C-alpha atoms as a PDB file:
ATOM      1  CA  MET A   1      33.575  29.373-117.136  1.00  0.00           C
ATOM      2  CA  SER A   2      32.281  26.339-114.913  1.00  0.00           C
ATOM      3  CA  GLU A   3      29.957  23.527-115.687  1.00  0.00           C
ATOM      4  CA  GLU A   4      28.017  25.263-112.996  1.00  0.00           C
ATOM      5  CA  LYS A   5      27.752  28.369-114.580  1.00  0.00           C
ATOM      6  CA  LEU A   6      27.061  26.995-118.082  1.00  0.00           C
ATOM      7  CA  LYS A   7      24.219  24.671-116.190  1.00  0.00           C
ATOM      8  CA  GLY A   8      22.895  28.476-115.080  1.00  0.00           C
ATOM      9  CA  LEU A   9      23.227  30.123-118.634  1.00  0.00           C
ATOM     10  CA  LYS A  10      20.881  26.998-120.460  1.00  0.00           C
ATOM     11  CA  ASP A  11      18.670  26.959-117.739  1.00  0.00           C
ATOM     12  CA  GLU A  12      18.198  30.538-118.319  1.00  0.00           C
ATOM     13  CA  ALA A  13      17.473  29.988-122.214  1.00  0.00           C
ATOM     14  CA  VAL A  14      15.713  26.975-122.121  1.00  0.00           C
ATOM     15  CA  GLY A  15      12.966  28.784-119.610  1.00  0.00           C
ATOM     16  CA  LYS A  16      13.205  31.471-122.321  1.00  0.00           C
ATOM     17  CA  VAL A  17      12.028  29.353-124.903  1.00  0.00           C
ATOM     18  CA  LYS A  18       9.366  27.356-122.686  1.00  0.00           C
ATOM     19  CA  GLU A  19       8.338  30.847-121.349  1.00  0.00           C
ATOM     20  CA  THR A  20       7.790  32.395-124.935  1.00  0.00           C
ATOM     21  CA  GLU A  21       6.130  28.816-126.122  1.00  0.00           C
ATOM     22  CA  GLY A  22       3.914  29.275-123.537  1.00  0.00           C
ATOM     23  CA  LYS A  23       2.758  32.887-124.402  1.00  0.00           C
ATOM     24  CA  ILE A  24       2.286  31.870-127.925  1.00  0.00           C
ATOM     25  CA  THR A  25       0.391  29.275-127.361  1.00  0.00           C
ATOM     26  CA  GLY A  26      -1.989  30.663-124.239  1.00  0.00           C
ATOM     27  CA  ASP A  27      -0.224  27.705-122.049  1.00  0.00           C
ATOM     28  CA  GLU A  28       0.029  29.337-118.774  1.00  0.00           C
ATOM     29  CA  LEU A  29       1.491  26.537-117.016  1.00  0.00           C
ATOM     30  CA  ARG A  30       4.272  26.114-119.482  1.00  0.00           C
ATOM     31  CA  LYS A  31       4.611  30.098-119.219  1.00  0.00           C
ATOM     32  CA  LYS A  32       5.024  29.760-115.165  1.00  0.00           C
ATOM     33  CA  GLU A  33       7.339  26.630-116.115  1.00  0.00           C
ATOM     34  CA  GLY A  34       9.388  28.553-118.425  1.00  0.00           C
ATOM     35  CA  GLN A  35       9.802  31.275-115.986  1.00  0.00           C
ATOM     36  CA  ALA A  36      10.419  29.392-113.049  1.00  0.00           C
ATOM     37  CA  GLN A  37      13.773  27.485-114.869  1.00  0.00           C
ATOM     38  CA  GLY A  38      14.969  31.044-116.123  1.00  0.00           C
ATOM     39  CA  PHE A  39      14.651  32.340-112.777  1.00  0.00           C
ATOM     40  CA  LEU A  40      16.553  28.558-111.084  1.00  0.00           C
ATOM     41  CA  GLY A  41      18.912  28.828-114.142  1.00  0.00           C
ATOM     42  CA  LYS A  42      20.028  32.768-113.486  1.00  0.00           C
ATOM     43  CA  ALA A  43      20.346  32.213-109.798  1.00  0.00           C
ATOM     44  CA  ARG A  44      22.784  29.340-109.988  1.00  0.00           C
ATOM     45  CA  ALA A  45      24.920  31.421-112.668  1.00  0.00           C
ATOM     46  CA  LYS A  46      24.942  34.090-110.041  1.00  0.00           C
ATOM     47  CA  ALA A  47      25.581  31.586-107.402  1.00  0.00           C
ATOM     48  CA  ASP A  48      28.816  30.268-109.403  1.00  0.00           C
ATOM     49  CA  ASP A  49      29.979  33.939-109.849  1.00  0.00           C
ATOM     50  CA  LEU A  50      29.721  34.966-106.419  1.00  0.00           C
ATOM     51  CA  LYS A  51      31.242  31.609-105.697  1.00  0.00           C
ATOM     52  CA  GLU A  52      34.466  32.767-108.127  1.00  0.00           C
ATOM     53  CA  ASP A  53      34.353  36.054-106.350  1.00  0.00           C
ATOM     54  CA  LEU A  54      34.762  34.410-103.251  1.00  0.00           C
ATOM     55  CA  MET A  55      37.768  31.805-104.036  1.00  0.00           C
ATOM     56  CA  ALA A  56      39.358  35.329-105.799  1.00  0.00           C
ATOM     57  CA  GLY A  57      39.148  36.832-102.967  1.00  0.00           C
ATOM     58  CA  ALA A  58      40.125  34.025-100.728  1.00  0.00           C
ATOM     59  CA  ASP A  59      43.322  33.444-102.714  1.00  0.00           C
ATOM     60  CA  LYS A  60      44.101  37.371-102.516  1.00  0.00           C
ATOM     61  CA  LEU A  61      44.139  37.161 -98.452  1.00  0.00           C
ATOM     62  CA  LYS A  62      46.374  34.031 -98.595  1.00  0.00           C
ATOM     63  CA  GLU A  63      48.669  35.436-100.590  1.00  0.00           C
ATOM     64  CA  LYS A  64      48.525  38.675 -98.917  1.00  0.00           C
ATOM     65  CA  PHE A  65      49.345  36.199 -95.542  1.00  0.00           C
ATOM     66  CA  GLU A  66      52.155  34.116 -96.804  1.00  0.00           C
ATOM     67  CA  LYS A  67      53.569  37.628 -97.873  1.00  0.00           C
ATOM     68  CA  ASP A  68      53.536  39.215 -94.423  1.00  0.00           C
ATOM     69  CA  THR A  69      54.659  35.834 -92.597  1.00  0.00           C
ATOM     70  CA  ASP A  70      57.482  35.529 -95.410  1.00  0.00           C
ATOM     71  CA  ARG A  71      59.304  39.021 -93.522  1.00  0.00           C
END
């Protein structure tokens, strides 16, 4: 798991805690901060997943190209 994905997952978790804290205490700002941090964390983790998928696809294309040019 990459460092970026871990940061995203951490932000998701911290955001959820802040959101819950805001709900319990009635602090609407804290709740919204938590929702925003959670959303950004989820986006960061998904972006890293996409990056990994794209890199894997690029590697497969490179291997296929190299294999085809070796003929």
